[in-house]
Amino acid sequence: MTALLLLAAPLVPLLLLGAMAWPGLRDRAATLIWAAPLPGLACAVFATPDAALVVDARLRLGLALDAPGALLLGAASLLWCAAGVYARAYLAGPGFTRFAAWWLATLSGSMGVFVAADLVGFYLAFTLASLPAWGLVIHDRTAQALRAGALYVLLAVLGEAALLAGFALLAASSPGESLAIADVLRAIGASPLRDVTIALLVTGFGLKAGLVPLHVWLPIAHPAAPMPASAVLSGAIIKAGVIGLLRFLPVGATPAGWGEALVVIGFVTAFWGVALGIAQRNPKAVLAYSSVSQMGVVAAAFGMGIAAGMAATPVAVAFYALHHVLAKGALFLAVGVAAASGGAARFAVLVPAVVLALGFGGLPLTGGWLAKEAVKGELGAGVVGLLAAASAAGSTLLMLHFVRRLSFAADGAARPALALLLPWLALAAASVLLPWVLFPGALPSVLAPDALLKAMLPVLVGAALVLPLARWGARVPEPPQGDIIVLARHLRGVTARCGDALARAESALRAWPAAGLALLVLTLALGVALAAR
């Protein structure tokens, strides 16, 4: 039974996709996209611990599921189910079958990355979770969507290239024929290209997870994509990067220096997401930058676990990411519900949204609070603890800013369709209740009064900053969605002008007898300028 569940998780979406090739089955298969993740959910719930299925004994190709993978697979399956129900109502029309085809292909990859146990299977699943999502991003066929899709697929291909190179180095350093992830990682410590391999892996997985400066696809793709697509992109697809980091940078075998690097990258990402997000006006862009910030916290917690050699870190980080899957997916769905709500129906959106928003800051008794308590061992002391608390305050401010922008989206006295409202409320409830069921720590210790008061402090600080932001935030210029890449486009023109000026200066200096050294300096500067173009 376990083997069948492991196989069914990525295979059932592909079978439904294949059924869409027959005109008579196309529409019916498309309406079943909500059911396609159910085998993945069953696998997460019923598969035995450390379940495995070996397909090729010589190369050790196969599928497996460990505790972190089960947590993320179950959460992602719930999100895909809820978003599938939502998508049927939100995108009803002649273009829905096309959307469903891209959806099912992406879903198969999303399920596959959590159960793949070898380099070949993981790479294929990761690619399937990345490239078909282009069709989800561009579904509306607007100019904004097409530009976002072009950037998304470009960065996805770059990430795939980095991973392919890293996997090739992993396979080359392994002494045997096995391509099982566990086997190839045993030999990486003795590889002369160990650090190059790890750098390639961090680049590929960091791009998918949205770590700065590789995050730019998130704030560009999310505002352009349809609401259910944004929900799974931010909630589930970026977790392919998280599970990749957990799988390929094992605690105890990864050098502590790389853990420290992840801590730095993580906190830069966390604060970058807050700083850019609070200046956004589009609620979906705010959520995108919130995802960037939250993935920064994930990277920082994982990096601290690597640096300190904490064996429990992968489960703790996966639990933190589980909450993000559910809560962030729910909030993206809330944007669509809010746009169709008004009057009393508005409270069905705003009240749960406030609870989820404060949960990201660590409001006691919410799922987000339990998520932060799960990584308290990694992020709860010293300078790192202060940075984590500041990040929680920033998340509170950012998410309350999102709720404020969401309230502007309400529409008169309209009432949302139940097919939109129920998936949103179910996912919101799961994001609050499920962490209580799966919490990996001891609940009595986190429920102590002093622990609750300590958790409440960052939330109060972040909430206190909302009033100044509401009063003076409109004066802050809205950064372009995609920030760094937009800035790079402007700098390209400046660089071109600098290069021309340096070339003219070089010609003038040729007339000076003592200009040899100056010419060398200018030549080097010109080379740098041209390389940056």
Protein backbone atom coordinates (compact mmCIF):
# COMPACT_ATOMS: atom_id res chain seq x y z
CA MET A 1 0.00 0.00 0.00
CA THR A 2 2.80 2.43 0.90
CA ALA A 3 4.54 1.84 -2.42
CA LEU A 4 1.33 2.48 -4.33
CA LEU A 5 0.72 5.74 -2.47
CA LEU A 6 4.27 6.94 -3.17
CA LEU A 7 3.78 6.20 -6.85
CA ALA A 8 0.26 7.62 -7.06
CA ALA A 9 1.15 11.04 -5.60
CA PRO A 10 2.95 12.32 -8.74
CA LEU A 11 1.39 9.85 -11.19
CA VAL A 12 -2.35 10.55 -10.78
CA PRO A 13 -2.07 14.19 -11.95
CA LEU A 14 -0.17 12.96 -15.03
CA LEU A 15 -2.86 10.37 -15.74
CA LEU A 16 -5.53 13.07 -15.59
CA LEU A 17 -3.41 15.19 -17.89
CA GLY A 18 -3.18 12.28 -20.30
CA ALA A 19 -6.96 11.86 -20.18
CA MET A 20 -7.30 15.44 -21.39
CA ALA A 21 -5.74 14.38 -24.70
CA TRP A 22 -9.09 12.74 -25.58
CA PRO A 23 -11.75 15.33 -26.51
CA GLY A 24 -14.52 13.30 -24.90
CA LEU A 25 -12.73 13.21 -21.54
CA ARG A 26 -11.10 16.65 -21.62
CA ASP A 27 -13.72 18.68 -19.82
CA ARG A 28 -14.48 16.01 -17.25
CA ALA A 29 -10.79 15.51 -16.44
CA ALA A 30 -10.34 19.25 -16.09
CA THR A 31 -13.11 19.46 -13.50
CA LEU A 32 -11.28 16.86 -11.38
CA ILE A 33 -8.17 18.94 -10.74
CA TRP A 34 -9.27 19.36 -7.12
CA ALA A 35 -9.09 15.56 -6.63
CA ALA A 36 -5.70 15.02 -8.26
CA PRO A 37 -3.74 15.87 -5.05
CA LEU A 38 -5.71 13.41 -2.88
CA PRO A 39 -3.23 10.54 -3.37
CA GLY A 40 -0.48 12.87 -2.16
CA LEU A 41 -2.54 13.70 0.92
CA ALA A 42 -3.20 10.01 1.57
CA CYS A 43 0.51 9.29 1.16
CA ALA A 44 1.43 11.96 3.72
CA VAL A 45 -1.12 10.65 6.22
CA PHE A 46 -0.90 6.89 5.80
CA ALA A 47 2.59 6.11 4.50
CA THR A 48 4.80 4.42 7.09
CA PRO A 49 7.79 6.38 8.46
CA ASP A 50 10.75 6.41 6.06
CA ALA A 51 8.67 4.62 3.42
CA ALA A 52 10.55 3.76 0.22
CA LEU A 53 10.00 2.26 -3.22
CA VAL A 54 13.07 1.20 -5.24
CA VAL A 55 12.46 1.14 -8.99
CA ASP A 56 16.03 0.32 -10.16
CA ALA A 57 18.20 -1.67 -7.73
CA ARG A 58 21.50 -0.92 -9.52
CA LEU A 59 21.17 2.86 -9.73
CA ARG A 60 18.85 2.95 -6.70
CA LEU A 61 16.25 5.00 -8.51
CA GLY A 62 13.06 5.25 -6.51
CA LEU A 63 10.73 7.12 -4.20
CA ALA A 64 10.86 7.72 -0.45
CA LEU A 65 9.16 9.79 2.21
CA ASP A 66 10.69 11.03 5.43
CA ALA A 67 9.18 13.23 8.17
CA PRO A 68 9.99 16.66 6.60
CA GLY A 69 8.75 15.45 3.23
CA ALA A 70 5.52 14.11 4.73
CA LEU A 71 4.78 17.44 6.44
CA LEU A 72 5.29 19.44 3.25
CA LEU A 73 3.56 16.89 1.01
CA GLY A 74 0.45 16.89 3.21
CA ALA A 75 0.26 20.68 3.41
CA ALA A 76 0.87 21.13 -0.31
CA SER A 77 -1.81 18.55 -1.12
CA LEU A 78 -4.37 20.38 1.01
CA LEU A 79 -3.53 23.65 -0.72
CA TRP A 80 -3.73 22.14 -4.20
CA CYS A 81 -7.15 20.59 -3.32
CA ALA A 82 -8.60 23.85 -1.98
CA ALA A 83 -7.15 25.92 -4.79
CA GLY A 84 -8.47 23.40 -7.34
CA VAL A 85 -12.03 23.83 -6.06
CA TYR A 86 -11.52 27.59 -6.07
CA ALA A 87 -10.10 27.57 -9.61
CA ARG A 88 -13.16 25.80 -11.05
CA ALA A 89 -15.36 28.70 -9.96
CA TYR A 90 -12.88 31.53 -10.38
CA LEU A 91 -11.80 30.59 -13.92
CA ALA A 92 -15.02 29.05 -15.24
CA GLY A 93 -15.08 29.57 -18.98
CA PRO A 94 -13.59 28.39 -22.25
CA GLY A 95 -9.99 28.88 -21.11
CA PHE A 96 -10.32 26.65 -18.05
CA THR A 97 -9.28 23.41 -19.76
CA ARG A 98 -6.04 25.02 -20.95
CA PHE A 99 -5.38 26.26 -17.43
CA ALA A 100 -6.15 22.78 -16.04
CA ALA A 101 -3.54 21.18 -18.31
CA TRP A 102 -0.76 23.44 -17.04
CA TRP A 103 -2.11 23.01 -13.50
CA LEU A 104 -1.94 19.20 -13.59
CA ALA A 105 1.59 19.15 -15.01
CA THR A 106 2.80 21.56 -12.32
CA LEU A 107 0.94 19.63 -9.63
CA SER A 108 2.68 16.39 -10.60
CA GLY A 109 6.07 18.01 -10.15
CA SER A 110 5.00 19.61 -6.88
CA MET A 111 4.03 16.20 -5.49
CA GLY A 112 7.10 14.52 -6.96
CA VAL A 113 9.76 16.68 -5.30
CA PHE A 114 8.61 15.56 -1.85
CA VAL A 115 8.89 11.84 -2.65
CA ALA A 116 11.78 11.63 -5.16
CA ALA A 117 14.75 9.78 -3.63
CA ASP A 118 17.31 9.96 -6.45
CA LEU A 119 18.99 12.63 -8.54
CA VAL A 120 17.19 11.79 -11.78
CA GLY A 121 13.70 11.63 -10.26
CA PHE A 122 14.21 14.76 -8.18
CA TYR A 123 15.51 16.77 -11.12
CA LEU A 124 12.62 15.69 -13.35
CA ALA A 125 10.06 16.49 -10.64
CA PHE A 126 11.70 19.82 -9.86
CA THR A 127 11.64 20.75 -13.53
CA LEU A 128 8.01 19.69 -13.82
CA ALA A 129 7.15 21.85 -10.81
CA SER A 130 8.91 24.83 -12.41
CA LEU A 131 8.51 25.09 -16.16
CA PRO A 132 4.79 24.26 -16.70
CA ALA A 133 3.94 26.91 -14.10
CA TRP A 134 4.72 29.39 -16.89
CA GLY A 135 1.31 28.51 -18.34
CA LEU A 136 -0.33 29.42 -15.04
CA VAL A 137 1.45 32.78 -14.86
CA ILE A 138 0.48 33.87 -18.40
CA HIS A 139 -3.08 32.50 -18.32
CA ASP A 140 -4.77 35.89 -18.60
CA ARG A 141 -2.64 36.75 -21.66
CA THR A 142 -2.31 40.41 -20.62
CA ALA A 143 0.87 42.32 -21.44
CA GLN A 144 1.80 42.21 -17.74
CA ALA A 145 1.23 38.45 -17.60
CA LEU A 146 3.30 37.80 -20.73
CA ARG A 147 6.21 39.89 -19.41
CA ALA A 148 6.00 38.14 -16.06
CA GLY A 149 5.91 34.76 -17.77
CA ALA A 150 8.97 35.54 -19.86
CA LEU A 151 10.97 36.54 -16.79
CA TYR A 152 9.67 33.57 -14.82
CA VAL A 153 10.70 31.01 -17.40
CA LEU A 154 14.11 32.66 -17.91
CA LEU A 155 14.92 32.50 -14.21
CA ALA A 156 13.47 28.99 -13.94
CA VAL A 157 15.79 27.79 -16.70
CA LEU A 158 18.77 29.43 -15.00
CA GLY A 159 17.85 27.67 -11.76
CA GLU A 160 17.50 24.36 -13.58
CA ALA A 161 20.93 24.85 -15.15
CA ALA A 162 22.52 25.50 -11.76
CA LEU A 163 20.90 22.38 -10.32
CA LEU A 164 21.86 20.24 -13.30
CA ALA A 165 25.49 21.28 -12.89
CA GLY A 166 25.34 20.64 -9.15
CA PHE A 167 23.75 17.22 -9.62
CA ALA A 168 26.36 16.30 -12.23
CA LEU A 169 29.12 17.13 -9.75
CA LEU A 170 27.36 15.10 -7.07
CA ALA A 171 27.12 12.10 -9.36
CA ALA A 172 30.75 12.47 -10.48
CA SER A 173 32.02 12.57 -6.89
CA SER A 174 30.12 9.43 -5.90
CA PRO A 175 32.36 6.32 -6.09
CA GLY A 176 29.59 3.86 -6.99
CA GLU A 177 26.80 3.67 -9.54
CA SER A 178 24.03 4.64 -7.14
CA LEU A 179 22.19 7.88 -7.86
CA ALA A 180 20.21 7.78 -4.63
CA ILE A 181 20.37 11.16 -2.89
CA ALA A 182 21.50 9.58 0.38
CA ASP A 183 24.35 7.74 -1.38
CA VAL A 184 25.74 10.61 -3.44
CA LEU A 185 25.73 12.97 -0.47
CA ARG A 186 28.02 10.65 1.51
CA ALA A 187 30.87 11.33 -0.90
CA ILE A 188 30.54 15.10 -1.19
CA GLY A 189 32.76 15.77 1.84
CA ALA A 190 35.79 14.32 0.07
CA SER A 191 35.11 16.07 -3.24
CA PRO A 192 37.60 18.79 -4.23
CA LEU A 193 34.63 20.68 -5.72
CA ARG A 194 32.51 20.43 -2.59
CA ASP A 195 32.01 24.16 -2.16
CA VAL A 196 31.30 24.70 -5.86
CA THR A 197 28.69 21.94 -5.72
CA ILE A 198 27.02 23.42 -2.64
CA ALA A 199 27.05 26.90 -4.20
CA LEU A 200 25.26 25.57 -7.29
CA LEU A 201 22.68 23.79 -5.14
CA VAL A 202 22.06 26.88 -3.01
CA THR A 203 21.67 28.96 -6.18
CA GLY A 204 19.15 26.61 -7.77
CA PHE A 205 17.10 25.98 -4.67
CA GLY A 206 17.46 29.54 -3.40
CA LEU A 207 16.02 30.88 -6.65
CA LYS A 208 12.97 28.67 -6.33
CA ALA A 209 12.55 29.54 -2.64
CA GLY A 210 12.83 33.27 -3.37
CA LEU A 211 16.00 34.15 -1.48
CA VAL A 212 17.49 37.60 -2.21
CA PRO A 213 18.80 38.44 -4.79
CA LEU A 214 17.12 35.55 -6.63
CA HIS A 215 13.62 36.46 -5.44
CA VAL A 216 12.55 38.79 -8.25
CA TRP A 217 10.23 36.33 -9.98
CA LEU A 218 7.89 36.23 -6.97
CA PRO A 219 6.72 39.88 -6.87
CA ILE A 220 6.53 39.95 -10.67
CA ALA A 221 4.71 36.65 -11.28
CA HIS A 222 2.17 36.77 -8.44
CA PRO A 223 0.35 40.00 -9.34
CA ALA A 224 0.10 38.83 -12.95
CA ALA A 225 -1.13 35.27 -12.33
CA PRO A 226 -4.76 34.31 -11.62
CA MET A 227 -5.61 34.04 -7.92
CA PRO A 228 -5.52 30.21 -7.57
CA ALA A 229 -2.23 30.10 -9.50
CA SER A 230 -0.70 32.70 -7.17
CA ALA A 231 -1.84 30.63 -4.18
CA VAL A 232 -0.05 27.46 -5.28
CA LEU A 233 2.99 29.31 -6.62
CA SER A 234 3.61 31.03 -3.30
CA GLY A 235 2.28 28.31 -1.03
CA ALA A 236 3.46 25.09 -2.67
CA ILE A 237 5.85 25.66 -5.58
CA ILE A 238 8.45 27.63 -3.64
CA LYS A 239 8.57 24.72 -1.17
CA ALA A 240 10.35 22.76 -3.89
CA GLY A 241 13.29 25.00 -3.04
CA VAL A 242 12.82 24.38 0.69
CA ILE A 243 12.71 20.58 0.37
CA GLY A 244 15.73 20.78 -1.94
CA LEU A 245 17.76 22.58 0.72
CA LEU A 246 16.63 20.07 3.36
CA ARG A 247 17.45 17.09 1.15
CA PHE A 248 20.79 18.17 -0.28
CA LEU A 249 22.33 20.10 2.62
CA PRO A 250 22.01 17.53 5.42
CA VAL A 251 22.64 18.71 8.96
CA GLY A 252 25.89 17.20 10.23
CA ALA A 253 27.42 16.78 6.77
CA THR A 254 27.19 20.35 5.44
CA PRO A 255 30.09 22.64 6.47
CA ALA A 256 29.19 25.08 9.25
CA GLY A 257 30.39 27.97 7.07
CA TRP A 258 27.58 27.31 4.61
CA GLY A 259 25.12 27.31 7.49
CA GLU A 260 26.38 30.72 8.56
CA ALA A 261 26.09 31.95 4.97
CA LEU A 262 22.46 30.81 4.89
CA VAL A 263 21.80 32.70 8.13
CA VAL A 264 23.12 35.91 6.59
CA ILE A 265 21.24 35.38 3.33
CA GLY A 266 18.12 34.46 5.26
CA PHE A 267 17.98 37.57 7.42
CA VAL A 268 18.84 39.86 4.51
CA THR A 269 15.96 38.23 2.64
CA ALA A 270 13.61 38.52 5.65
CA PHE A 271 14.16 42.24 6.12
CA TRP A 272 14.31 42.96 2.39
CA GLY A 273 10.86 41.42 1.94
CA VAL A 274 9.41 43.57 4.72
CA ALA A 275 11.07 46.79 3.55
CA LEU A 276 9.86 46.41 -0.04
CA GLY A 277 6.48 44.93 0.88
CA ILE A 278 5.25 47.76 3.12
CA ALA A 279 5.59 50.19 0.20
CA GLN A 280 3.45 48.10 -2.17
CA ARG A 281 -0.16 49.02 -2.99
CA ASN A 282 -1.28 45.80 -4.70
CA PRO A 283 -2.29 43.24 -2.02
CA LYS A 284 -0.91 40.38 -4.12
CA ALA A 285 2.46 42.13 -4.38
CA VAL A 286 2.42 42.61 -0.59
CA LEU A 287 1.83 38.87 -0.18
CA ALA A 288 4.63 38.08 -2.63
CA TYR A 289 7.13 40.13 -0.63
CA SER A 290 5.81 38.52 2.55
CA SER A 291 6.65 35.12 1.04
CA VAL A 292 10.14 36.39 0.30
CA SER A 293 10.48 37.48 3.92
CA GLN A 294 9.15 34.20 5.32
CA MET A 295 11.45 32.11 3.16
CA GLY A 296 14.29 34.21 4.53
CA VAL A 297 13.32 33.12 8.04
CA VAL A 298 13.24 29.50 6.83
CA ALA A 299 16.75 29.85 5.38
CA ALA A 300 18.06 31.52 8.56
CA ALA A 301 16.60 28.79 10.80
CA PHE A 302 18.00 26.05 8.59
CA GLY A 303 21.39 27.75 8.45
CA MET A 304 21.53 27.99 12.25
CA GLY A 305 20.67 24.30 12.48
CA ILE A 306 23.52 23.45 10.11
CA ALA A 307 25.99 25.69 11.94
CA ALA A 308 25.04 24.23 15.34
CA GLY A 309 24.60 20.63 14.14
CA MET A 310 21.01 20.38 15.40
CA ALA A 311 19.53 17.09 14.18
CA ALA A 312 15.92 18.20 14.80
CA THR A 313 16.21 21.22 12.49
CA PRO A 314 14.85 19.65 9.26
CA VAL A 315 11.55 18.69 10.92
CA ALA A 316 11.28 22.08 12.66
CA VAL A 317 11.94 23.97 9.42
CA ALA A 318 9.48 21.77 7.50
CA PHE A 319 6.84 22.48 10.16
CA TYR A 320 7.45 26.22 9.82
CA ALA A 321 7.12 25.89 6.04
CA LEU A 322 3.93 23.81 6.47
CA HIS A 323 2.23 26.75 8.15
CA HIS A 324 3.38 29.05 5.37
CA VAL A 325 1.94 26.71 2.72
CA LEU A 326 -1.52 26.80 4.28
CA ALA A 327 -1.71 30.39 5.54
CA LYS A 328 -0.15 32.09 2.54
CA GLY A 329 -2.20 30.01 0.11
CA ALA A 330 -5.34 30.96 2.06
CA LEU A 331 -4.51 34.67 1.97
CA PHE A 332 -3.99 34.64 -1.79
CA LEU A 333 -7.42 33.05 -2.16
CA ALA A 334 -8.76 35.73 0.19
CA VAL A 335 -7.80 38.43 -2.31
CA GLY A 336 -10.19 36.98 -4.86
CA VAL A 337 -12.93 36.50 -2.28
CA ALA A 338 -12.53 40.07 -1.04
CA ALA A 339 -12.90 41.42 -4.56
CA ALA A 340 -16.30 39.72 -4.74
CA SER A 341 -17.46 40.68 -1.24
CA GLY A 342 -19.13 43.63 0.38
CA GLY A 343 -21.32 44.53 3.34
CA ALA A 344 -21.57 41.81 6.00
CA ALA A 345 -19.88 39.29 3.68
CA ARG A 346 -16.72 41.36 3.93
CA PHE A 347 -16.21 40.20 7.52
CA ALA A 348 -16.06 36.57 6.35
CA VAL A 349 -12.84 37.60 4.65
CA LEU A 350 -11.33 40.32 6.80
CA VAL A 351 -11.75 38.72 10.24
CA PRO A 352 -10.00 35.42 9.36
CA ALA A 353 -7.46 37.39 7.31
CA VAL A 354 -6.51 39.46 10.37
CA VAL A 355 -6.00 36.27 12.41
CA LEU A 356 -3.79 34.74 9.72
CA ALA A 357 -1.92 38.01 9.24
CA LEU A 358 -1.10 38.32 12.93
CA GLY A 359 -0.10 34.66 12.92
CA PHE A 360 2.83 35.47 10.64
CA GLY A 361 4.08 37.78 13.36
CA GLY A 362 3.65 35.07 16.00
CA LEU A 363 0.33 35.99 17.66
CA PRO A 364 -0.08 33.45 20.49
CA LEU A 365 -2.43 30.52 19.90
CA THR A 366 -2.31 30.86 16.09
CA GLY A 367 -0.63 28.42 13.74
CA GLY A 368 2.04 30.99 12.95
CA TRP A 369 2.90 31.26 16.62
CA LEU A 370 3.46 27.49 16.79
CA ALA A 371 5.57 27.70 13.64
CA LYS A 372 7.85 30.26 15.29
CA GLU A 373 7.99 28.21 18.48
CA ALA A 374 9.11 25.20 16.42
CA VAL A 375 12.26 27.02 15.29
CA LYS A 376 12.89 28.75 18.63
CA GLY A 377 15.82 26.40 19.25
CA GLU A 378 17.49 27.73 16.10
CA LEU A 379 16.41 31.38 16.30
CA GLY A 380 15.70 32.00 19.96
CA ALA A 381 18.92 33.31 21.51
CA GLY A 382 21.55 36.04 21.23
CA VAL A 383 21.85 38.35 18.26
CA VAL A 384 20.03 35.84 16.08
CA GLY A 385 17.12 35.88 18.53
CA LEU A 386 16.94 39.67 18.38
CA LEU A 387 16.95 39.57 14.58
CA ALA A 388 14.22 36.93 14.59
CA ALA A 389 12.11 39.07 16.94
CA ALA A 390 12.63 42.13 14.74
CA SER A 391 11.65 40.05 11.73
CA ALA A 392 8.45 38.96 13.52
CA ALA A 393 7.59 42.60 14.25
CA GLY A 394 8.23 43.44 10.61
CA SER A 395 6.02 40.56 9.47
CA THR A 396 3.21 41.82 11.71
CA LEU A 397 3.49 45.29 10.19
CA LEU A 398 3.66 43.91 6.65
CA MET A 399 0.69 41.60 7.04
CA LEU A 400 -1.50 44.23 8.69
CA HIS A 401 -0.59 46.47 5.76
CA PHE A 402 -1.85 43.65 3.53
CA VAL A 403 -5.16 43.49 5.41
CA ARG A 404 -5.54 47.24 5.00
CA ARG A 405 -4.95 46.98 1.25
CA LEU A 406 -7.31 44.00 1.14
CA SER A 407 -10.11 46.03 2.73
CA PHE A 408 -9.92 48.46 -0.18
CA ALA A 409 -10.72 45.62 -2.58
CA ALA A 410 -14.21 44.94 -1.21
CA ASP A 411 -16.99 45.37 -3.75
CA GLY A 412 -20.19 47.14 -2.67
CA ALA A 413 -22.74 44.74 -1.23
CA ALA A 414 -21.79 41.74 -3.34
CA ARG A 415 -21.64 38.23 -1.89
CA PRO A 416 -18.93 35.76 -2.96
CA ALA A 417 -19.90 32.42 -4.45
CA LEU A 418 -19.70 29.50 -2.01
CA ALA A 419 -17.23 27.79 -4.34
CA LEU A 420 -14.86 30.68 -3.60
CA LEU A 421 -15.73 31.26 0.06
CA LEU A 422 -15.63 27.67 1.34
CA PRO A 423 -12.15 26.71 0.06
CA TRP A 424 -10.77 29.94 1.51
CA LEU A 425 -12.36 29.39 4.93
CA ALA A 426 -11.38 25.70 5.00
CA LEU A 427 -7.76 26.51 4.20
CA ALA A 428 -7.72 29.34 6.73
CA ALA A 429 -9.05 26.98 9.41
CA ALA A 430 -6.46 24.33 8.50
CA SER A 431 -3.64 26.87 8.84
CA VAL A 432 -4.72 27.58 12.42
CA LEU A 433 -5.75 24.09 13.59
CA LEU A 434 -3.39 21.70 11.80
CA PRO A 435 -0.21 23.08 13.46
CA TRP A 436 -1.74 22.19 16.85
CA VAL A 437 -2.08 18.58 15.72
CA LEU A 438 1.40 18.29 14.21
CA PHE A 439 3.49 20.51 16.50
CA PRO A 440 6.87 18.74 16.94
CA GLY A 441 7.65 20.22 20.37
CA ALA A 442 6.14 20.11 23.85
CA LEU A 443 2.95 22.18 24.01
CA PRO A 444 2.99 22.79 27.81
CA SER A 445 6.32 24.62 27.57
CA VAL A 446 5.15 27.03 24.87
CA LEU A 447 1.87 27.66 26.70
CA ALA A 448 3.65 28.98 29.80
CA PRO A 449 2.60 32.58 30.60
CA ASP A 450 6.12 34.00 30.25
CA ALA A 451 6.52 32.31 26.85
CA LEU A 452 3.19 33.75 25.68
CA LEU A 453 4.13 37.26 26.81
CA LYS A 454 7.50 37.02 25.07
CA ALA A 455 5.81 35.90 21.84
CA MET A 456 3.32 38.76 22.08
CA LEU A 457 5.95 41.53 22.23
CA PRO A 458 6.97 41.53 18.51
CA VAL A 459 3.30 41.47 17.52
CA LEU A 460 2.59 44.55 19.66
CA VAL A 461 5.61 46.37 18.23
CA GLY A 462 4.57 45.60 14.66
CA ALA A 463 0.96 46.58 15.33
CA ALA A 464 2.08 49.89 16.86
CA LEU A 465 3.89 50.73 13.63
CA VAL A 466 0.74 50.35 11.55
CA LEU A 467 -0.60 53.81 12.40
CA PRO A 468 2.54 55.68 11.25
CA LEU A 469 2.57 53.57 8.09
CA ALA A 470 -1.10 54.32 7.41
CA ARG A 471 -0.54 58.04 7.97
CA TRP A 472 2.71 58.60 6.08
CA GLY A 473 3.07 55.46 3.96
CA ALA A 474 1.40 57.09 0.95
CA ARG A 475 4.32 59.52 0.74
CA VAL A 476 6.76 56.65 0.23
CA PRO A 477 7.27 55.93 -3.48
CA GLU A 478 6.06 52.47 -4.47
CA PRO A 479 9.07 50.37 -5.53
CA PRO A 480 8.63 48.56 -8.84
CA GLN A 481 7.60 44.94 -8.48
CA GLY A 482 10.78 42.99 -9.08
CA ASP A 483 12.94 45.74 -7.51
CA ILE A 484 16.50 44.51 -8.24
CA ILE A 485 15.91 43.44 -11.82
CA VAL A 486 14.14 46.73 -12.63
CA LEU A 487 17.05 48.63 -11.09
CA ALA A 488 19.47 46.56 -13.16
CA ARG A 489 17.67 47.64 -16.32
CA HIS A 490 18.19 51.29 -15.40
CA LEU A 491 21.83 50.68 -14.49
CA ARG A 492 22.42 49.04 -17.85
CA GLY A 493 21.83 52.37 -19.56
CA VAL A 494 24.08 54.18 -17.07
CA THR A 495 26.78 51.55 -17.58
CA ALA A 496 26.60 51.98 -21.34
CA ARG A 497 27.10 55.74 -21.00
CA CYS A 498 30.01 55.23 -18.58
CA GLY A 499 31.60 52.81 -20.99
CA ASP A 500 31.43 55.36 -23.81
CA ALA A 501 32.93 58.06 -21.58
CA LEU A 502 35.77 55.78 -20.52
CA ALA A 503 36.51 54.97 -24.16
CA ARG A 504 36.77 58.69 -25.02
CA ALA A 505 39.03 59.31 -22.01
CA GLU A 506 41.24 56.42 -23.07
CA SER A 507 41.68 57.96 -26.55
CA ALA A 508 42.63 61.33 -25.06
CA LEU A 509 45.19 59.84 -22.68
CA ARG A 510 47.01 58.05 -25.50
CA ALA A 511 48.56 61.45 -26.38
CA TRP A 512 50.29 61.68 -23.00
CA PRO A 513 53.76 60.04 -22.79
CA ALA A 514 53.33 59.07 -19.15
CA ALA A 515 49.82 57.64 -19.56
CA GLY A 516 50.73 53.94 -19.48
CA LEU A 517 49.50 53.27 -15.98
CA ALA A 518 46.41 55.43 -16.44
CA LEU A 519 45.62 53.58 -19.67
CA LEU A 520 45.82 50.25 -17.87
CA VAL A 521 43.49 51.46 -15.13
CA LEU A 522 41.01 52.82 -17.65
CA THR A 523 41.13 49.63 -19.67
CA LEU A 524 40.28 47.56 -16.59
CA ALA A 525 37.48 49.97 -15.70
CA LEU A 526 36.13 49.76 -19.24
CA GLY A 527 36.17 45.98 -19.07
CA VAL A 528 34.17 46.02 -15.86
CA ALA A 529 31.68 48.45 -17.34
CA LEU A 530 31.24 46.38 -20.47
CA ALA A 531 30.84 43.17 -18.48
CA ALA A 532 28.06 44.75 -16.49
CA ARG A 533 26.06 45.69 -19.59
